[in-house]
Amino acid sequence: MKKQILAFLMMILMSSCNNDDSCSCVDNELVGKWKLIEVLADLGDGSGMFNPIESNKILEFKNNNTVITNTSMCNPFSNEVILSGAYNYFANTIVTNCQNPTAASVNFEIENNTFLILTYISTEGYAQKYKRVF
């Protein structure tokens, strides 16, 4: 009987996700595409403000805890080109695998399910604001 229950549980677990990127194992408000619209650069005194920028950078968060971009996960801190990373929705972090420690791990927050703010490790303060795109 234990073997039958174990086999049944394994079947349920295996059928809960398929092999494509649309796996709904992690369904959260971060999943989707986000476009970079503003950058905050602070001199270290807390007076920095977000300023609009022209950018074609898109981040796409997938259900399988990966994030991809059309530019690089490492800029503006490095010319290194890494097109994907992993995110932890519950810890609010993105691991980029960039060699520069400033961009190796990035914190994020979501505002009103419309804006995504990435906060980089920086003594002066640096952040990027993205808007959800459909």
N, C-alpha and C. Protein backbone atom coordinates (compact mmCIF):
# COMPACT_ATOMS: atom_id res chain seq x y z
N MET A 1 0.82 -1.20 0.00
CA MET A 1 0.00 0.00 0.00
C MET A 1 0.86 1.26 0.00
N LYS A 2 1.97 1.24 0.77
CA LYS A 2 2.85 2.40 0.82
C LYS A 2 3.44 2.69 -0.55
N LYS A 3 3.78 1.64 -1.30
CA LYS A 3 4.34 1.84 -2.64
C LYS A 3 3.32 2.48 -3.57
N GLN A 4 2.06 2.10 -3.45
CA GLN A 4 1.01 2.68 -4.30
C GLN A 4 0.80 4.16 -3.97
N ILE A 5 0.82 4.49 -2.70
CA ILE A 5 0.66 5.89 -2.30
C ILE A 5 1.85 6.71 -2.79
N LEU A 6 3.04 6.17 -2.60
CA LEU A 6 4.24 6.87 -3.06
C LEU A 6 4.21 7.07 -4.58
N ALA A 7 3.81 6.04 -5.32
CA ALA A 7 3.71 6.16 -6.78
C ALA A 7 2.67 7.20 -7.17
N PHE A 8 1.56 7.24 -6.47
CA PHE A 8 0.51 8.22 -6.75
C PHE A 8 1.02 9.65 -6.50
N LEU A 9 1.72 9.84 -5.38
CA LEU A 9 2.28 11.16 -5.08
C LEU A 9 3.31 11.58 -6.11
N MET A 10 4.14 10.66 -6.54
CA MET A 10 5.13 10.97 -7.58
C MET A 10 4.46 11.38 -8.88
N MET A 11 3.37 10.71 -9.24
CA MET A 11 2.64 11.06 -10.47
C MET A 11 2.07 12.48 -10.37
N ILE A 12 1.55 12.82 -9.20
CA ILE A 12 1.00 14.17 -9.01
C ILE A 12 2.10 15.21 -9.14
N LEU A 13 3.23 14.98 -8.49
CA LEU A 13 4.35 15.92 -8.56
C LEU A 13 4.87 16.07 -9.97
N MET A 14 5.00 14.97 -10.68
CA MET A 14 5.54 15.03 -12.04
C MET A 14 4.57 15.69 -13.01
N SER A 15 3.28 15.56 -12.76
CA SER A 15 2.32 16.16 -13.68
C SER A 15 2.05 17.63 -13.37
N SER A 16 2.53 18.12 -12.23
CA SER A 16 2.26 19.51 -11.87
C SER A 16 3.02 20.49 -12.73
N CYS A 17 4.13 20.06 -13.36
CA CYS A 17 4.92 20.93 -14.23
C CYS A 17 5.32 20.16 -15.47
N ASN A 18 5.34 20.86 -16.59
CA ASN A 18 5.85 20.25 -17.79
C ASN A 18 7.21 20.84 -18.11
N ASN A 19 7.79 20.53 -19.23
CA ASN A 19 9.15 20.94 -19.54
C ASN A 19 9.28 22.32 -20.16
N ASP A 20 8.19 23.03 -20.40
CA ASP A 20 8.33 24.33 -21.04
C ASP A 20 8.39 25.45 -20.01
N ASP A 21 8.65 26.65 -20.48
CA ASP A 21 8.81 27.81 -19.60
C ASP A 21 7.50 28.30 -19.01
N SER A 22 6.37 27.76 -19.45
CA SER A 22 5.09 28.25 -18.94
C SER A 22 4.64 27.49 -17.71
N CYS A 23 5.52 26.73 -17.10
CA CYS A 23 5.22 26.00 -15.88
C CYS A 23 4.66 26.95 -14.84
N SER A 24 3.54 26.58 -14.25
CA SER A 24 2.91 27.48 -13.28
C SER A 24 3.25 27.08 -11.85
N CYS A 25 4.44 26.53 -11.64
CA CYS A 25 4.85 26.13 -10.29
C CYS A 25 4.95 27.33 -9.37
N VAL A 26 5.42 28.44 -9.87
CA VAL A 26 5.54 29.65 -9.07
C VAL A 26 4.74 30.73 -9.79
N ASP A 27 3.58 31.04 -9.26
CA ASP A 27 2.74 32.05 -9.88
C ASP A 27 2.76 33.28 -8.98
N ASN A 28 3.32 34.38 -9.49
CA ASN A 28 3.43 35.57 -8.68
C ASN A 28 3.30 36.81 -9.54
N GLU A 29 3.19 37.96 -8.89
CA GLU A 29 2.98 39.22 -9.61
C GLU A 29 4.20 39.69 -10.38
N LEU A 30 5.34 39.07 -10.17
CA LEU A 30 6.56 39.45 -10.87
C LEU A 30 6.61 38.88 -12.29
N VAL A 31 5.95 37.76 -12.52
CA VAL A 31 6.00 37.09 -13.82
C VAL A 31 5.45 38.01 -14.91
N GLY A 32 6.24 38.15 -15.98
CA GLY A 32 5.85 38.99 -17.10
C GLY A 32 7.02 39.83 -17.57
N LYS A 33 6.74 40.79 -18.44
CA LYS A 33 7.77 41.65 -19.01
C LYS A 33 7.73 43.03 -18.38
N TRP A 34 8.93 43.58 -18.16
CA TRP A 34 9.11 44.89 -17.53
C TRP A 34 10.10 45.69 -18.35
N LYS A 35 9.79 46.96 -18.61
CA LYS A 35 10.67 47.84 -19.40
C LYS A 35 11.30 48.90 -18.50
N LEU A 36 12.63 49.11 -18.67
CA LEU A 36 13.35 50.12 -17.90
C LEU A 36 12.88 51.51 -18.33
N ILE A 37 12.44 52.32 -17.33
CA ILE A 37 11.93 53.66 -17.66
C ILE A 37 12.63 54.78 -16.90
N GLU A 38 13.22 54.47 -15.73
CA GLU A 38 13.85 55.51 -14.92
C GLU A 38 15.07 54.94 -14.19
N VAL A 39 15.99 55.83 -13.85
CA VAL A 39 17.19 55.46 -13.11
C VAL A 39 17.38 56.44 -11.96
N LEU A 40 17.77 55.91 -10.81
CA LEU A 40 18.08 56.75 -9.66
C LEU A 40 19.57 56.61 -9.38
N ALA A 41 20.26 57.74 -9.36
CA ALA A 41 21.67 57.78 -8.97
C ALA A 41 21.78 58.82 -7.87
N ASP A 42 22.26 58.38 -6.71
CA ASP A 42 22.34 59.25 -5.55
C ASP A 42 23.80 59.49 -5.21
N LEU A 43 24.11 60.66 -4.71
CA LEU A 43 25.48 61.00 -4.32
C LEU A 43 25.85 60.45 -2.95
N GLY A 44 24.94 59.72 -2.33
CA GLY A 44 25.21 59.16 -1.02
C GLY A 44 24.57 59.93 0.12
N ASP A 45 23.89 61.02 -0.22
CA ASP A 45 23.26 61.83 0.84
C ASP A 45 21.75 61.63 0.90
N GLY A 46 21.21 60.71 0.10
CA GLY A 46 19.78 60.44 0.10
C GLY A 46 18.95 61.40 -0.71
N SER A 47 19.58 62.29 -1.45
CA SER A 47 18.83 63.30 -2.21
C SER A 47 18.51 62.86 -3.63
N GLY A 48 18.93 61.67 -4.02
CA GLY A 48 18.71 61.20 -5.39
C GLY A 48 17.24 61.00 -5.70
N MET A 49 16.90 61.22 -6.96
CA MET A 49 15.53 61.04 -7.44
C MET A 49 15.57 60.21 -8.71
N PHE A 50 14.48 59.51 -9.00
CA PHE A 50 14.38 58.79 -10.26
C PHE A 50 14.25 59.79 -11.40
N ASN A 51 15.01 59.55 -12.47
CA ASN A 51 14.95 60.39 -13.66
C ASN A 51 14.61 59.53 -14.86
N PRO A 52 13.69 60.00 -15.72
CA PRO A 52 13.31 59.23 -16.91
C PRO A 52 14.50 59.03 -17.84
N ILE A 53 14.55 57.88 -18.50
CA ILE A 53 15.59 57.61 -19.49
C ILE A 53 14.95 56.93 -20.70
N GLU A 54 15.63 57.02 -21.83
CA GLU A 54 15.25 56.28 -23.02
C GLU A 54 16.02 54.97 -22.98
N SER A 55 15.33 53.87 -23.00
CA SER A 55 15.97 52.57 -22.93
C SER A 55 15.11 51.53 -23.63
N ASN A 56 15.78 50.53 -24.19
CA ASN A 56 15.06 49.41 -24.78
C ASN A 56 15.22 48.15 -23.93
N LYS A 57 15.78 48.31 -22.71
CA LYS A 57 16.03 47.15 -21.85
C LYS A 57 14.71 46.59 -21.33
N ILE A 58 14.55 45.29 -21.51
CA ILE A 58 13.38 44.56 -21.03
C ILE A 58 13.86 43.43 -20.14
N LEU A 59 13.19 43.24 -19.01
CA LEU A 59 13.38 42.07 -18.17
C LEU A 59 12.12 41.23 -18.28
N GLU A 60 12.30 39.92 -18.47
CA GLU A 60 11.15 39.03 -18.50
C GLU A 60 11.33 37.97 -17.43
N PHE A 61 10.40 37.97 -16.48
CA PHE A 61 10.41 37.01 -15.39
C PHE A 61 9.49 35.85 -15.75
N LYS A 62 10.01 34.65 -15.61
CA LYS A 62 9.26 33.44 -15.96
C LYS A 62 8.80 32.72 -14.70
N ASN A 63 7.83 31.83 -14.87
CA ASN A 63 7.29 31.06 -13.75
C ASN A 63 8.31 30.12 -13.12
N ASN A 64 9.36 29.78 -13.85
CA ASN A 64 10.34 28.80 -13.35
C ASN A 64 11.49 29.47 -12.60
N ASN A 65 11.27 30.67 -12.09
CA ASN A 65 12.26 31.43 -11.29
C ASN A 65 13.46 31.92 -12.09
N THR A 66 13.32 32.05 -13.39
CA THR A 66 14.39 32.62 -14.20
C THR A 66 13.95 34.00 -14.69
N VAL A 67 14.95 34.81 -14.99
CA VAL A 67 14.72 36.13 -15.56
C VAL A 67 15.67 36.26 -16.75
N ILE A 68 15.17 36.80 -17.85
CA ILE A 68 15.99 37.01 -19.04
C ILE A 68 15.89 38.47 -19.45
N THR A 69 16.89 38.92 -20.21
CA THR A 69 16.89 40.30 -20.68
C THR A 69 17.37 40.35 -22.12
N ASN A 70 17.07 41.44 -22.78
CA ASN A 70 17.51 41.65 -24.16
C ASN A 70 18.84 42.41 -24.22
N THR A 71 19.39 42.78 -23.08
CA THR A 71 20.67 43.51 -23.05
C THR A 71 21.66 42.73 -22.20
N SER A 72 21.85 43.08 -20.95
CA SER A 72 22.71 42.35 -20.03
C SER A 72 22.22 42.56 -18.61
N MET A 73 22.33 41.53 -17.81
CA MET A 73 21.97 41.64 -16.40
C MET A 73 23.01 42.46 -15.63
N CYS A 74 24.21 42.65 -16.20
CA CYS A 74 25.33 43.25 -15.47
C CYS A 74 25.42 44.76 -15.61
N ASN A 75 24.88 45.34 -16.67
CA ASN A 75 25.05 46.78 -16.82
C ASN A 75 24.13 47.52 -15.86
N PRO A 76 24.54 48.65 -15.36
CA PRO A 76 25.56 49.57 -15.85
C PRO A 76 26.93 49.37 -15.21
N PHE A 77 27.12 48.34 -14.41
CA PHE A 77 28.36 48.19 -13.66
C PHE A 77 29.43 47.41 -14.38
N SER A 78 29.12 46.84 -15.53
CA SER A 78 30.09 46.02 -16.24
C SER A 78 29.68 45.90 -17.70
N ASN A 79 30.66 45.68 -18.56
CA ASN A 79 30.39 45.40 -19.97
C ASN A 79 30.14 43.92 -20.21
N GLU A 80 30.25 43.13 -19.15
CA GLU A 80 30.00 41.70 -19.24
C GLU A 80 28.55 41.47 -19.70
N VAL A 81 28.36 40.52 -20.60
CA VAL A 81 27.02 40.25 -21.13
C VAL A 81 26.52 38.92 -20.58
N ILE A 82 25.55 39.01 -19.70
CA ILE A 82 24.85 37.84 -19.17
C ILE A 82 23.37 38.10 -19.39
N LEU A 83 22.73 37.21 -20.12
CA LEU A 83 21.36 37.45 -20.55
C LEU A 83 20.29 36.85 -19.64
N SER A 84 20.70 36.10 -18.62
CA SER A 84 19.69 35.50 -17.75
C SER A 84 20.22 35.39 -16.32
N GLY A 85 19.29 35.19 -15.42
CA GLY A 85 19.61 35.01 -14.02
C GLY A 85 18.49 34.24 -13.35
N ALA A 86 18.55 34.19 -12.04
CA ALA A 86 17.52 33.49 -11.27
C ALA A 86 16.98 34.45 -10.22
N TYR A 87 15.70 34.33 -9.93
CA TYR A 87 15.12 35.19 -8.90
C TYR A 87 14.45 34.36 -7.82
N ASN A 88 14.40 34.94 -6.64
CA ASN A 88 13.69 34.35 -5.51
C ASN A 88 12.62 35.35 -5.12
N TYR A 89 11.40 35.04 -5.47
CA TYR A 89 10.28 35.95 -5.24
C TYR A 89 10.10 36.27 -3.75
N PHE A 90 10.28 35.27 -2.90
CA PHE A 90 10.03 35.44 -1.47
C PHE A 90 11.15 36.20 -0.77
N ALA A 91 12.37 36.10 -1.30
CA ALA A 91 13.50 36.83 -0.72
C ALA A 91 13.72 38.18 -1.41
N ASN A 92 12.96 38.45 -2.49
CA ASN A 92 13.07 39.70 -3.25
C ASN A 92 14.48 39.91 -3.78
N THR A 93 15.09 38.87 -4.33
CA THR A 93 16.45 38.98 -4.87
C THR A 93 16.54 38.36 -6.25
N ILE A 94 17.48 38.90 -7.03
CA ILE A 94 17.83 38.35 -8.33
C ILE A 94 19.32 38.04 -8.29
N VAL A 95 19.70 36.84 -8.66
CA VAL A 95 21.10 36.46 -8.78
C VAL A 95 21.44 36.50 -10.26
N THR A 96 22.38 37.37 -10.62
CA THR A 96 22.68 37.62 -12.03
C THR A 96 23.86 36.82 -12.57
N ASN A 97 24.69 36.30 -11.67
CA ASN A 97 25.93 35.61 -12.05
C ASN A 97 26.95 36.55 -12.68
N CYS A 98 26.81 37.83 -12.51
CA CYS A 98 27.79 38.80 -12.98
C CYS A 98 29.02 38.72 -12.07
N GLN A 99 30.19 38.94 -12.65
CA GLN A 99 31.42 38.89 -11.86
C GLN A 99 31.55 40.09 -10.93
N ASN A 100 31.04 41.23 -11.33
CA ASN A 100 31.11 42.42 -10.50
C ASN A 100 30.18 42.24 -9.30
N PRO A 101 30.69 42.31 -8.07
CA PRO A 101 29.84 42.08 -6.90
C PRO A 101 28.71 43.11 -6.76
N THR A 102 28.85 44.27 -7.36
CA THR A 102 27.80 45.29 -7.32
C THR A 102 26.54 44.82 -8.03
N ALA A 103 26.71 44.00 -9.07
CA ALA A 103 25.56 43.54 -9.85
C ALA A 103 25.32 42.04 -9.70
N ALA A 104 26.08 41.35 -8.86
CA ALA A 104 25.95 39.89 -8.73
C ALA A 104 24.62 39.49 -8.08
N SER A 105 24.14 40.31 -7.19
CA SER A 105 22.86 40.08 -6.54
C SER A 105 22.15 41.42 -6.42
N VAL A 106 20.89 41.44 -6.81
CA VAL A 106 20.12 42.68 -6.84
C VAL A 106 18.82 42.47 -6.07
N ASN A 107 18.45 43.44 -5.26
CA ASN A 107 17.17 43.38 -4.54
C ASN A 107 16.09 44.03 -5.40
N PHE A 108 14.86 43.58 -5.22
CA PHE A 108 13.76 44.19 -5.96
C PHE A 108 12.54 44.37 -5.08
N GLU A 109 11.70 45.29 -5.51
CA GLU A 109 10.39 45.49 -4.89
C GLU A 109 9.39 45.85 -5.98
N ILE A 110 8.15 45.53 -5.75
CA ILE A 110 7.09 45.82 -6.71
C ILE A 110 6.16 46.86 -6.09
N GLU A 111 5.87 47.91 -6.87
CA GLU A 111 4.95 48.97 -6.42
C GLU A 111 3.66 48.90 -7.22
N ASN A 112 2.56 48.72 -6.52
CA ASN A 112 1.22 48.75 -7.12
C ASN A 112 1.06 47.81 -8.31
N ASN A 113 1.81 46.72 -8.33
CA ASN A 113 1.75 45.75 -9.42
C ASN A 113 2.02 46.39 -10.78
N THR A 114 2.58 47.59 -10.80
CA THR A 114 2.85 48.32 -12.04
C THR A 114 4.32 48.63 -12.22
N PHE A 115 5.03 48.90 -11.14
CA PHE A 115 6.44 49.27 -11.21
C PHE A 115 7.30 48.26 -10.46
N LEU A 116 8.46 48.01 -11.02
CA LEU A 116 9.46 47.13 -10.43
C LEU A 116 10.71 47.96 -10.18
N ILE A 117 11.21 47.95 -8.97
CA ILE A 117 12.42 48.71 -8.65
C ILE A 117 13.53 47.75 -8.27
N LEU A 118 14.64 47.83 -9.01
CA LEU A 118 15.83 47.05 -8.69
C LEU A 118 16.80 47.95 -7.95
N THR A 119 17.28 47.49 -6.80
CA THR A 119 18.23 48.25 -6.00
C THR A 119 19.55 47.52 -5.98
N TYR A 120 20.57 48.19 -6.48
CA TYR A 120 21.91 47.61 -6.57
C TYR A 120 22.74 47.97 -5.34
N ILE A 121 23.73 47.14 -5.05
CA ILE A 121 24.67 47.44 -3.97
C ILE A 121 25.54 48.60 -4.43
N SER A 122 25.49 49.70 -3.71
CA SER A 122 26.24 50.88 -4.11
C SER A 122 26.38 51.82 -2.91
N THR A 123 27.56 52.38 -2.74
CA THR A 123 27.74 53.33 -1.64
C THR A 123 27.00 54.64 -1.90
N GLU A 124 26.83 54.98 -3.18
CA GLU A 124 26.12 56.21 -3.52
C GLU A 124 24.61 56.01 -3.64
N GLY A 125 24.20 54.81 -3.90
CA GLY A 125 22.78 54.53 -4.12
C GLY A 125 22.47 54.52 -5.60
N TYR A 126 22.07 53.38 -6.11
CA TYR A 126 21.71 53.25 -7.52
C TYR A 126 20.53 52.29 -7.63
N ALA A 127 19.53 52.69 -8.41
CA ALA A 127 18.34 51.86 -8.61
C ALA A 127 17.81 52.07 -10.01
N GLN A 128 17.08 51.08 -10.48
CA GLN A 128 16.41 51.16 -11.78
C GLN A 128 14.92 50.90 -11.57
N LYS A 129 14.10 51.68 -12.29
CA LYS A 129 12.65 51.49 -12.21
C LYS A 129 12.15 50.98 -13.56
N TYR A 130 11.36 49.92 -13.50
CA TYR A 130 10.76 49.31 -14.67
C TYR A 130 9.25 49.42 -14.59
N LYS A 131 8.63 49.47 -15.75
CA LYS A 131 7.16 49.48 -15.82
C LYS A 131 6.71 48.20 -16.50
N ARG A 132 5.65 47.60 -15.97
CA ARG A 132 5.11 46.38 -16.57
C ARG A 132 4.64 46.67 -18.00
N VAL A 133 5.00 45.80 -18.92
CA VAL A 133 4.54 45.91 -20.31
C VAL A 133 3.79 44.64 -20.66
N PHE A 134 2.84 44.77 -21.57
CA PHE A 134 2.04 43.60 -21.95
C PHE A 134 2.24 43.24 -23.38
